[in-house]
C-alpha atoms as a PDB file:
ATOM      1  CA  MET A   1     -35.026 -46.104  27.336  1.00  0.00           C
ATOM      2  CA  LYS A   2     -37.941 -43.814  28.237  1.00  0.00           C
ATOM      3  CA  SER A   3     -35.951 -42.363  30.168  1.00  0.00           C
ATOM      4  CA  TRP A   4     -32.805 -42.178  28.142  1.00  0.00           C
ATOM      5  CA  LYS A   5     -35.022 -40.541  25.786  1.00  0.00           C
ATOM      6  CA  LEU A   6     -36.329 -37.816  28.465  1.00  0.00           C
ATOM      7  CA  PHE A   7     -32.869 -37.169  29.273  1.00  0.00           C
ATOM      8  CA  VAL A   8     -31.945 -36.643  25.602  1.00  0.00           C
ATOM      9  CA  ALA A   9     -34.949 -34.272  24.833  1.00  0.00           C
ATOM     10  CA  LEU A  10     -34.292 -32.005  27.942  1.00  0.00           C
ATOM     11  CA  PHE A  11     -30.345 -31.508  27.160  1.00  0.00           C
ATOM     12  CA  GLY A  12     -31.537 -30.313  23.647  1.00  0.00           C
ATOM     13  CA  VAL A  13     -33.866 -28.426  25.038  1.00  0.00           C
ATOM     14  CA  LEU A  14     -31.001 -26.479  27.500  1.00  0.00           C
ATOM     15  CA  ALA A  15     -28.416 -26.755  24.930  1.00  0.00           C
ATOM     16  CA  LEU A  16     -30.254 -24.305  22.855  1.00  0.00           C
ATOM     17  CA  GLY A  17     -31.848 -22.198  25.610  1.00  0.00           C
ATOM     18  CA  MET A  18     -28.211 -21.678  26.729  1.00  0.00           C
ATOM     19  CA  THR A  19     -27.042 -20.946  22.032  1.00  0.00           C
ATOM     20  CA  SER A  20     -29.752 -18.827  22.572  1.00  0.00           C
ATOM     21  CA  ALA A  21     -28.399 -16.611  24.881  1.00  0.00           C
ATOM     22  CA  TYR A  22     -25.263 -16.861  24.035  1.00  0.00           C
ATOM     23  CA  ALA A  23     -26.524 -15.441  21.408  1.00  0.00           C
ATOM     24  CA  GLN A  24     -28.356 -12.312  22.463  1.00  0.00           C
ATOM     25  CA  SER A  25     -25.377 -11.500  24.399  1.00  0.00           C
ATOM     26  CA  SER A  26     -22.790 -11.941  21.743  1.00  0.00           C
ATOM     27  CA  LYS A  27     -21.744  -8.579  19.740  1.00  0.00           C
ATOM     28  CA  PHE A  28     -20.782  -8.293  16.954  1.00  0.00           C
ATOM     29  CA  ALA A  29     -21.104  -5.990  13.487  1.00  0.00           C
ATOM     30  CA  ALA A  30     -20.079  -5.944  10.045  1.00  0.00           C
ATOM     31  CA  THR A  31     -20.404  -4.080   6.559  1.00  0.00           C
ATOM     32  CA  TYR A  32     -18.889  -4.071   2.799  1.00  0.00           C
ATOM     33  CA  ASP A  33     -18.499  -2.075  -0.154  1.00  0.00           C
ATOM     34  CA  THR A  34     -18.312  -3.338  -3.528  1.00  0.00           C
ATOM     35  CA  ASP A  35     -17.895   0.502  -5.117  1.00  0.00           C
ATOM     36  CA  VAL A  36     -13.866   0.431  -6.896  1.00  0.00           C
ATOM     37  CA  ARG A  37     -11.466   3.130  -5.759  1.00  0.00           C
ATOM     38  CA  MET A  38      -8.754   3.673  -7.854  1.00  0.00           C
ATOM     39  CA  ILE A  39      -6.500   6.667  -8.575  1.00  0.00           C
ATOM     40  CA  ASP A  40      -3.483   6.116 -11.497  1.00  0.00           C
ATOM     41  CA  VAL A  41      -1.120   8.522 -12.155  1.00  0.00           C
ATOM     42  CA  SER A  42       1.802   8.894 -15.303  1.00  0.00           C
ATOM     43  CA  ALA A  43       4.981  10.646 -16.402  1.00  0.00           C
ATOM     44  CA  ASP A  44       7.140  10.447 -19.424  1.00  0.00           C
ATOM     45  CA  GLY A  45      10.178  12.185 -20.644  1.00  0.00           C
ATOM     46  CA  ASP A  46       8.489  15.103 -22.578  1.00  0.00           C
ATOM     47  CA  SER A  47       7.210  16.440 -19.334  1.00  0.00           C
ATOM     48  CA  ALA A  48      10.756  16.124 -17.607  1.00  0.00           C
ATOM     49  CA  VAL A  49      12.074  19.365 -16.226  1.00  0.00           C
ATOM     50  CA  LEU A  50      15.540  20.811 -15.317  1.00  0.00           C
ATOM     51  CA  LEU A  51      16.914  20.161 -12.768  1.00  0.00           C
ATOM     52  CA  ASP A  52      19.775  22.362 -10.591  1.00  0.00           C
ATOM     53  CA  PRO A  53      23.210  19.936 -11.398  1.00  0.00           C
ATOM     54  CA  ASP A  54      24.164  21.631  -8.092  1.00  0.00           C
ATOM     55  CA  ASN A  55      21.812  20.137  -6.373  1.00  0.00           C
ATOM     56  CA  ILE A  56      22.722  16.644  -6.966  1.00  0.00           C
ATOM     57  CA  PRO A  57      25.198  15.107  -4.656  1.00  0.00           C
ATOM     58  CA  GLY A  58      28.294  13.927  -6.640  1.00  0.00           C
ATOM     59  CA  ASN A  59      26.319  14.495 -10.412  1.00  0.00           C
ATOM     60  CA  GLY A  60      28.109  16.825 -12.626  1.00  0.00           C
ATOM     61  CA  ASP A  61      26.136  15.953 -15.416  1.00  0.00           C
ATOM     62  CA  GLU A  62      22.469  17.560 -16.490  1.00  0.00           C
ATOM     63  CA  TYR A  63      19.808  15.535 -14.232  1.00  0.00           C
ATOM     64  CA  TRP A  64      16.346  15.439 -15.956  1.00  0.00           C
ATOM     65  CA  TYR A  65      13.810  14.200 -13.596  1.00  0.00           C
ATOM     66  CA  TYR A  66      10.021  14.083 -13.696  1.00  0.00           C
ATOM     67  CA  ALA A  67       7.718  12.943 -11.271  1.00  0.00           C
ATOM     68  CA  THR A  68       4.174  13.087 -10.434  1.00  0.00           C
ATOM     69  CA  THR A  69       1.854  11.533  -7.589  1.00  0.00           C
ATOM     70  CA  ALA A  70      -1.837  10.648  -6.930  1.00  0.00           C
ATOM     71  CA  GLY A  71      -3.460  10.794  -3.658  1.00  0.00           C
ATOM     72  CA  PRO A  72      -2.552  10.132  -0.541  1.00  0.00           C
ATOM     73  CA  VAL A  73      -6.909   9.021  -1.041  1.00  0.00           C
ATOM     74  CA  ALA A  74      -8.118   8.131   2.082  1.00  0.00           C
ATOM     75  CA  GLU A  75     -11.518   5.822   1.844  1.00  0.00           C
ATOM     76  CA  ALA A  76     -13.631   4.941   4.921  1.00  0.00           C
ATOM     77  CA  ASP A  77     -15.967   2.570   6.016  1.00  0.00           C
ATOM     78  CA  LEU A  78     -18.218   2.030   8.864  1.00  0.00           C
ATOM     79  CA  ALA A  79     -19.497  -0.162  10.935  1.00  0.00           C
ATOM     80  CA  ASN A  80     -21.498   0.479  14.450  1.00  0.00           C
ATOM     81  CA  LEU A  81     -20.976  -1.172  18.186  1.00  0.00           C
ATOM     82  CA  HIS A  82     -22.191  -1.275  21.627  1.00  0.00           C
ATOM     83  CA  VAL A  83     -20.114  -2.181  24.136  1.00  0.00           C
ATOM     84  CA  ALA A  84     -19.800  -2.662  27.688  1.00  0.00           C
ATOM     85  CA  GLN A  85     -17.671  -1.248  30.142  1.00  0.00           C
ATOM     86  CA  TRP A  86     -13.449  -2.087  29.972  1.00  0.00           C
ATOM     87  CA  LYS A  87     -13.912  -4.373  26.739  1.00  0.00           C
ATOM     88  CA  GLU A  88     -12.099  -4.599  23.401  1.00  0.00           C
ATOM     89  CA  ILE A  89     -13.404  -4.317  20.088  1.00  0.00           C
ATOM     90  CA  LEU A  90     -11.650  -6.870  18.015  1.00  0.00           C
ATOM     91  CA  GLY A  91     -11.689  -5.321  14.271  1.00  0.00           C
ATOM     92  CA  ASN A  92     -11.172  -7.459  10.668  1.00  0.00           C
ATOM     93  CA  LEU A  93     -10.233  -5.693   7.805  1.00  0.00           C
ATOM     94  CA  SER A  94     -10.329  -7.064   4.708  1.00  0.00           C
ATOM     95  CA  ALA A  95     -10.256  -5.882   1.081  1.00  0.00           C
ATOM     96  CA  GLN A  96      -9.004  -6.659  -2.720  1.00  0.00           C
ATOM     97  CA  VAL A  97      -6.471  -4.894  -3.594  1.00  0.00           C
ATOM     98  CA  ASN A  98      -5.055  -4.419  -7.280  1.00  0.00           C
ATOM     99  CA  LEU A  99      -1.343  -2.595  -8.360  1.00  0.00           C
ATOM    100  CA  VAL A 100      -0.667  -1.926 -11.797  1.00  0.00           C
ATOM    101  CA  THR A 101       2.706  -0.497 -12.700  1.00  0.00           C
ATOM    102  CA  PHE A 102       4.872  -0.150 -15.766  1.00  0.00           C
ATOM    103  CA  THR A 103       7.926   0.967 -16.822  1.00  0.00           C
ATOM    104  CA  GLN A 104      10.190   1.810 -19.843  1.00  0.00           C
ATOM    105  CA  ALA A 105      13.429   3.237 -19.867  1.00  0.00           C
ATOM    106  CA  LYS A 106      14.911   4.383 -23.766  1.00  0.00           C
ATOM    107  CA  GLY A 107      18.747   4.921 -23.704  1.00  0.00           C
ATOM    108  CA  ARG A 108      20.559   7.096 -26.306  1.00  0.00           C
ATOM    109  CA  ASN A 109      23.962   5.714 -27.314  1.00  0.00           C
ATOM    110  CA  GLY A 110      26.144   7.871 -25.526  1.00  0.00           C
ATOM    111  CA  ALA A 111      23.532   9.692 -23.549  1.00  0.00           C
ATOM    112  CA  GLY A 112      24.021   8.493 -20.081  1.00  0.00           C
ATOM    113  CA  THR A 113      21.230   6.725 -18.169  1.00  0.00           C
ATOM    114  CA  SER A 114      17.332   6.966 -18.444  1.00  0.00           C
ATOM    115  CA  THR A 115      15.509   5.517 -15.972  1.00  0.00           C
ATOM    116  CA  ALA A 116      11.810   4.855 -14.844  1.00  0.00           C
ATOM    117  CA  ILE A 117      10.382   4.562 -11.330  1.00  0.00           C
ATOM    118  CA  ALA A 118       6.618   2.979 -10.837  1.00  0.00           C
ATOM    119  CA  GLU A 119       5.732   2.970  -7.260  1.00  0.00           C
ATOM    120  CA  GLY A 120       1.762   2.112  -5.790  1.00  0.00           C
ATOM    121  CA  THR A 121       0.601   1.146  -2.130  1.00  0.00           C
ATOM    122  CA  VAL A 122      -2.344   0.544  -0.190  1.00  0.00           C
ATOM    123  CA  ARG A 123      -2.586   1.133   3.922  1.00  0.00           C
ATOM    124  CA  GLY A 124      -5.306  -0.012   6.446  1.00  0.00           C
ATOM    125  CA  GLY A 125      -5.737   0.838   9.535  1.00  0.00           C
ATOM    126  CA  MET A 126      -8.720   1.141  12.087  1.00  0.00           C
ATOM    127  CA  VAL A 127     -10.247   3.989  14.097  1.00  0.00           C
ATOM    128  CA  VAL A 128     -12.996   3.749  16.948  1.00  0.00           C
ATOM    129  CA  VAL A 129     -14.682   7.140  17.852  1.00  0.00           C
ATOM    130  CA  PRO A 130     -18.142   7.574  19.735  1.00  0.00           C
ATOM    131  CA  GLU A 131     -21.005   6.965  17.458  1.00  0.00           C
ATOM    132  CA  GLY A 132     -21.903   9.951  15.826  1.00  0.00           C
ATOM    133  CA  THR A 133     -18.465  11.923  16.430  1.00  0.00           C
ATOM    134  CA  PHE A 134     -17.072  10.569  12.698  1.00  0.00           C
ATOM    135  CA  ALA A 135     -15.803  13.479  10.228  1.00  0.00           C
ATOM    136  CA  GLU A 136     -15.572  12.882   7.370  1.00  0.00           C
ATOM    137  CA  ASP A 137     -12.027  14.054   7.259  1.00  0.00           C
ATOM    138  CA  SER A 138     -10.494  11.921  10.080  1.00  0.00           C
ATOM    139  CA  CYS A 139      -9.255   9.541   8.707  1.00  0.00           C
ATOM    140  CA  ARG A 140      -6.690  11.656   6.281  1.00  0.00           C
ATOM    141  CA  ALA A 141      -5.990  13.712   9.304  1.00  0.00           C
ATOM    142  CA  ALA A 142      -5.171  10.105  10.792  1.00  0.00           C
ATOM    143  CA  PHE A 143      -2.674   9.063   8.646  1.00  0.00           C
ATOM    144  CA  ASP A 144      -0.679  12.682   7.701  1.00  0.00           C
ATOM    145  CA  ALA A 145      -0.610  13.023  12.003  1.00  0.00           C
ATOM    146  CA  TYR A 146       0.814   9.023  11.757  1.00  0.00           C
ATOM    147  CA  ASP A 147       3.494   9.671   9.000  1.00  0.00           C
ATOM    148  CA  ALA A 148       4.466  13.149  10.355  1.00  0.00           C
ATOM    149  CA  ARG A 149       4.872  12.145  13.877  1.00  0.00           C
ATOM    150  CA  ALA A 150       5.262  15.934  15.105  1.00  0.00           C
ATOM    151  CA  GLU A 151       5.620  17.052  18.798  1.00  0.00           C
ATOM    152  CA  GLY A 152       2.379  16.438  20.280  1.00  0.00           C
ATOM    153  CA  TRP A 153       0.929  14.329  17.998  1.00  0.00           C
ATOM    154  CA  GLU A 154      -1.796  11.921  18.691  1.00  0.00           C
ATOM    155  CA  ASN A 155      -2.521   8.826  17.470  1.00  0.00           C
ATOM    156  CA  ILE A 156      -6.265   7.642  17.212  1.00  0.00           C
ATOM    157  CA  PHE A 157      -5.600   4.117  14.960  1.00  0.00           C
ATOM    158  CA  SER A 158      -6.313   1.188  17.049  1.00  0.00           C
ATOM    159  CA  ALA A 159      -3.103  -1.061  18.194  1.00  0.00           C
ATOM    160  CA  PRO A 160      -1.203  -1.821  16.516  1.00  0.00           C
ATOM    161  CA  GLY A 161      -1.452   1.009  14.099  1.00  0.00           C
ATOM    162  CA  PRO A 162      -1.775   0.655  10.046  1.00  0.00           C
ATOM    163  CA  VAL A 163      -0.729  -1.540   8.384  1.00  0.00           C
ATOM    164  CA  THR A 164       0.914  -1.915   4.676  1.00  0.00           C
ATOM    165  CA  PHE A 165      -1.779  -4.743   2.564  1.00  0.00           C
ATOM    166  CA  ALA A 166      -0.071  -3.944  -0.647  1.00  0.00           C
ATOM    167  CA  SER A 167       2.816  -1.754  -2.017  1.00  0.00           C
ATOM    168  CA  ARG A 168       5.691  -2.275  -5.259  1.00  0.00           C
ATOM    169  CA  ARG A 169       8.451  -0.359  -6.275  1.00  0.00           C
ATOM    170  CA  GLN A 170       9.224  -0.475  -9.986  1.00  0.00           C
ATOM    171  CA  GLU A 171      12.573   1.052 -11.124  1.00  0.00           C
ATOM    172  CA  LEU A 172      13.713  -0.036 -14.719  1.00  0.00           C
ATOM    173  CA  SER A 173      17.284   1.756 -16.282  1.00  0.00           C
ATOM    174  CA  VAL A 174      19.061   1.494 -20.067  1.00  0.00           C
ATOM    175  CA  THR A 175      22.567   2.798 -20.363  1.00  0.00           C
ATOM    176  CA  VAL A 176      23.742   2.603 -23.684  1.00  0.00           C
ATOM    177  CA  ASP A 177      27.874   3.040 -24.200  1.00  0.00           C
ATOM    178  CA  LEU A 178      28.913   1.556 -27.824  1.00  0.00           C
ATOM    179  CA  ASP A 179      31.602   2.402 -29.899  1.00  0.00           C
ATOM    180  CA  VAL A 180      33.568   1.060 -33.757  1.00  0.00           C
ATOM    181  CA  VAL A 181      36.816   1.044 -34.263  1.00  0.00           C
ATOM    182  CA  GLY A 182      38.978   0.751 -36.721  1.00  0.00           C
ATOM    183  CA  ASP A 183      42.369   2.643 -38.369  1.00  0.00           C
ATOM    184  CA  ILE A 184      42.003   4.557 -41.313  1.00  0.00           C
ATOM    185  CA  ASP A 185      42.223   1.939 -44.330  1.00  0.00           C
ATOM    186  CA  GLY A 186      39.594   0.337 -42.334  1.00  0.00           C
ATOM    187  CA  VAL A 187      42.079  -2.224 -41.428  1.00  0.00           C
ATOM    188  CA  CYS A 188      42.873  -2.960 -37.959  1.00  0.00           C
ATOM    189  CA  ASP A 189      46.301  -4.880 -37.379  1.00  0.00           C
ATOM    190  CA  GLU A 190      48.447  -4.928 -34.170  1.00  0.00           C
ATOM    191  CA  THR A 191      49.903  -1.292 -34.442  1.00  0.00           C
ATOM    192  CA  CYS A 192      47.220   0.170 -36.055  1.00  0.00           C
ATOM    193  CA  ILE A 193      46.075   3.414 -34.313  1.00  0.00           C
ATOM    194  CA  GLN A 194      42.123   2.860 -33.178  1.00  0.00           C
ATOM    195  CA  ASP A 195      39.662   6.066 -34.134  1.00  0.00           C
ATOM    196  CA  SER A 196      36.744   5.482 -31.900  1.00  0.00           C
ATOM    197  CA  LEU A 197      33.525   5.701 -34.158  1.00  0.00           C
ATOM    198  CA  GLY A 198      30.377   6.908 -32.157  1.00  0.00           C
ATOM    199  CA  ILE A 199      27.311   5.084 -33.387  1.00  0.00           C
ATOM    200  CA  GLU A 200      23.329   6.264 -33.446  1.00  0.00           C
ATOM    201  CA  GLY A 201      21.206   3.984 -32.114  1.00  0.00           C
ATOM    202  CA  SER A 202      18.753   3.555 -28.817  1.00  0.00           C
ATOM    203  CA  VAL A 203      17.440   0.530 -27.167  1.00  0.00           C
ATOM    204  CA  THR A 204      13.904   0.859 -25.400  1.00  0.00           C
ATOM    205  CA  ILE A 205      13.575  -1.674 -22.098  1.00  0.00           C
ATOM    206  CA  ALA A 206      10.243  -2.012 -21.126  1.00  0.00           C
ATOM    207  CA  LEU A 207       8.333  -4.105 -18.162  1.00  0.00           C
ATOM    208  CA  GLY A 208       4.824  -4.113 -16.649  1.00  0.00           C
ATOM    209  CA  LEU A 209       2.986  -5.572 -13.743  1.00  0.00           C
ATOM    210  CA  ASP A 210      -0.491  -5.976 -12.772  1.00  0.00           C
ATOM    211  CA  THR A 211      -0.694  -8.135  -9.837  1.00  0.00           C
ATOM    212  CA  THR A 212      -4.456  -8.820  -7.397  1.00  0.00           C
ATOM    213  CA  ALA A 213      -5.193  -9.586  -3.964  1.00  0.00           C
ATOM    214  CA  ALA A 214      -7.299 -10.334  -1.203  1.00  0.00           C
ATOM    215  CA  HIS A 215      -5.471  -9.524   2.218  1.00  0.00           C
ATOM    216  CA  SER A 216      -6.323  -9.468   5.558  1.00  0.00           C
ATOM    217  CA  PHE A 217      -5.470  -7.445   9.041  1.00  0.00           C
ATOM    218  CA  GLN A 218      -6.830  -7.546  12.602  1.00  0.00           C
ATOM    219  CA  PHE A 219      -6.781  -4.696  15.008  1.00  0.00           C
ATOM    220  CA  ILE A 220      -7.536  -4.188  18.580  1.00  0.00           C
ATOM    221  CA  GLU A 221      -9.075  -0.912  20.596  1.00  0.00           C
ATOM    222  CA  GLU A 222      -8.919  -1.770  24.579  1.00  0.00           C
ATOM    223  CA  ASP A 223     -10.686  -0.244  27.470  1.00  0.00           C
ATOM    224  CA  LEU A 224     -13.286   1.034  26.461  1.00  0.00           C
ATOM    225  CA  PRO A 225     -16.332   3.139  28.668  1.00  0.00           C
ATOM    226  CA  SER A 226     -19.693   1.090  28.514  1.00  0.00           C
ATOM    227  CA  GLY A 227     -21.434   2.900  25.157  1.00  0.00           C
ATOM    228  CA  THR A 228     -21.627   2.814  21.241  1.00  0.00           C
ATOM    229  CA  TYR A 229     -19.192   3.420  19.103  1.00  0.00           C
ATOM    230  CA  ASP A 230     -18.197   3.955  15.002  1.00  0.00           C
ATOM    231  CA  VAL A 231     -15.625   1.278  13.890  1.00  0.00           C
ATOM    232  CA  VAL A 232     -14.316   2.599  11.110  1.00  0.00           C
ATOM    233  CA  ALA A 233     -12.269   1.190   8.210  1.00  0.00           C
ATOM    234  CA  CYS A 234      -9.124   3.576   7.176  1.00  0.00           C
ATOM    235  CA  TYR A 235      -7.533   3.044   3.356  1.00  0.00           C
ATOM    236  CA  ASP A 236      -4.534   5.277   2.318  1.00  0.00           C
ATOM    237  CA  LEU A 237      -3.580   4.827  -1.298  1.00  0.00           C
ATOM    238  CA  THR A 238      -0.571   6.811  -2.637  1.00  0.00           C
ATOM    239  CA  ALA A 239       0.562   6.190  -6.557  1.00  0.00           C
ATOM    240  CA  LEU A 240       4.406   7.489  -7.697  1.00  0.00           C
ATOM    241  CA  ALA A 241       5.112   7.577 -11.835  1.00  0.00           C
ATOM    242  CA  ALA A 242       8.805   8.964 -11.867  1.00  0.00           C
ATOM    243  CA  VAL A 243      11.143   9.529 -14.951  1.00  0.00           C
ATOM    244  CA  SER A 244      15.136  10.576 -15.160  1.00  0.00           C
ATOM    245  CA  GLY A 245      18.366  11.109 -16.928  1.00  0.00           C
ATOM    246  CA  THR A 246      21.857  11.588 -16.557  1.00  0.00           C
ATOM    247  CA  SER A 247      21.943  13.518 -20.045  1.00  0.00           C
ATOM    248  CA  GLU A 248      18.897  13.346 -22.413  1.00  0.00           C
ATOM    249  CA  LEU A 249      16.020  12.443 -21.336  1.00  0.00           C
ATOM    250  CA  ASP A 250      13.918  10.712 -24.161  1.00  0.00           C
ATOM    251  CA  ALA A 251      10.326  11.087 -24.536  1.00  0.00           C
ATOM    252  CA  GLY A 252      10.389   7.541 -25.119  1.00  0.00           C
ATOM    253  CA  THR A 253      11.051   6.741 -21.186  1.00  0.00           C
ATOM    254  CA  ALA A 254       7.809   6.805 -18.897  1.00  0.00           C
ATOM    255  CA  ALA A 255       6.207   5.508 -16.170  1.00  0.00           C
ATOM    256  CA  TYR A 256       2.915   4.695 -14.836  1.00  0.00           C
ATOM    257  CA  SER A 257       0.915   3.674 -11.425  1.00  0.00           C
ATOM    258  CA  LYS A 258      -2.739   2.076 -10.447  1.00  0.00           C
ATOM    259  CA  VAL A 259      -4.065   1.564  -7.227  1.00  0.00           C
ATOM    260  CA  ALA A 260      -7.258   0.143  -6.614  1.00  0.00           C
ATOM    261  CA  LEU A 261      -9.397  -0.907  -3.677  1.00  0.00           C
ATOM    262  CA  GLY A 262     -12.440  -3.366  -4.705  1.00  0.00           C
ATOM    263  CA  PRO A 263     -14.306  -5.390  -2.736  1.00  0.00           C
ATOM    264  CA  ARG A 264     -13.907  -4.763   1.057  1.00  0.00           C
ATOM    265  CA  ILE A 265     -15.129  -5.804   4.630  1.00  0.00           C
ATOM    266  CA  ILE A 266     -15.420  -4.595   8.087  1.00  0.00           C
ATOM    267  CA  SER A 267     -16.212  -6.754  11.034  1.00  0.00           C
ATOM    268  CA  ALA A 268     -16.200  -5.931  14.772  1.00  0.00           C
ATOM    269  CA  GLN A 269     -16.885  -7.816  18.000  1.00  0.00           C
ATOM    270  CA  GLU A 270     -16.304  -7.111  21.519  1.00  0.00           C
ATOM    271  CA  VAL A 271     -13.601  -9.078  22.881  1.00  0.00           C
ATOM    272  CA  ARG A 272     -11.379  -9.338  25.865  1.00  0.00           C
ATOM    273  CA  ALA A 273      -7.993  -9.099  24.935  1.00  0.00           C
ATOM    274  CA  THR A 274      -4.313  -9.020  26.232  1.00  0.00           C
ATOM    275  CA  LYS A 275      -1.511  -6.908  24.951  1.00  0.00           C
ATOM    276  CA  THR A 276       1.812  -9.641  25.899  1.00  0.00           C
ATOM    277  CA  GLY A 277      -0.692 -12.476  25.521  1.00  0.00           C
ATOM    278  CA  ILE A 278      -2.096 -15.860  26.978  1.00  0.00           C
ATOM    279  CA  ILE A 279       1.063 -17.905  25.907  1.00  0.00           C
ATOM    280  CA  ASP A 280       4.530 -16.749  27.012  1.00  0.00           C
ATOM    281  CA  GLU A 281       7.639 -16.293  24.684  1.00  0.00           C
ATOM    282  CA  THR A 282       8.935 -20.193  26.237  1.00  0.00           C
ATOM    283  CA  GLY A 283       5.555 -21.541  24.592  1.00  0.00           C
ATOM    284  CA  THR A 284       4.432 -22.485  28.228  1.00  0.00           C
ATOM    285  CA  ASP A 285       1.069 -21.429  29.379  1.00  0.00           C
END
């Protein structure tokens, strides 16, 4: 019995030593932020501008169109991590995203189609740079280069590149075309001549959506030389609101979009990673 207890005690000491050594050798960093970053934008028929109908293919009528955008806005959070020679950094970005979109289309009888559009998007990506070299506008420049993909552009995002955390496009259209028919005497039978009498009036339809959800994605930065690095979480917020019509656009046609980036966290750790994975396409080791 004493020998068994001695064995258990020795094993416990060894296990504790192994755990302590492992904890000392592991490399992990994390940072979080609870400040809310928000952009919003609106458009309505009062602000509409008349575009040249000749520039709109297939449309011979007047075409009113007005659109406004907010952003893109780049937000960045940093974590700091030291890695060994030719190792990888596995980073995890998590954020709570709130999207609010509102569209209202008002159509008058015989005035064509009125349309309202609201759109909001949040993207996230990870950038790894040597310690102290991160510039304030690095995220914005990285997103601009990634979106343009001009000749000679450099992708500084970690694999697989920026991803969409949340996105919504909401479009609402209204067309009102009502007629009252009858003959001169107000009585119409099978032989009467019908006169089309237009009626005045309008129809307004509105739709609003407000959603909040938490999102997370992991990124890999490969084959890093030994050193200390800043792990940067880059977020891109954009919002759009637009109204349009094929004839006179009523002020009641309106759009609104809000994009909010809430509590978020970035964590990073040193790992050994491969691009193709451990399991092949057949599902065997």
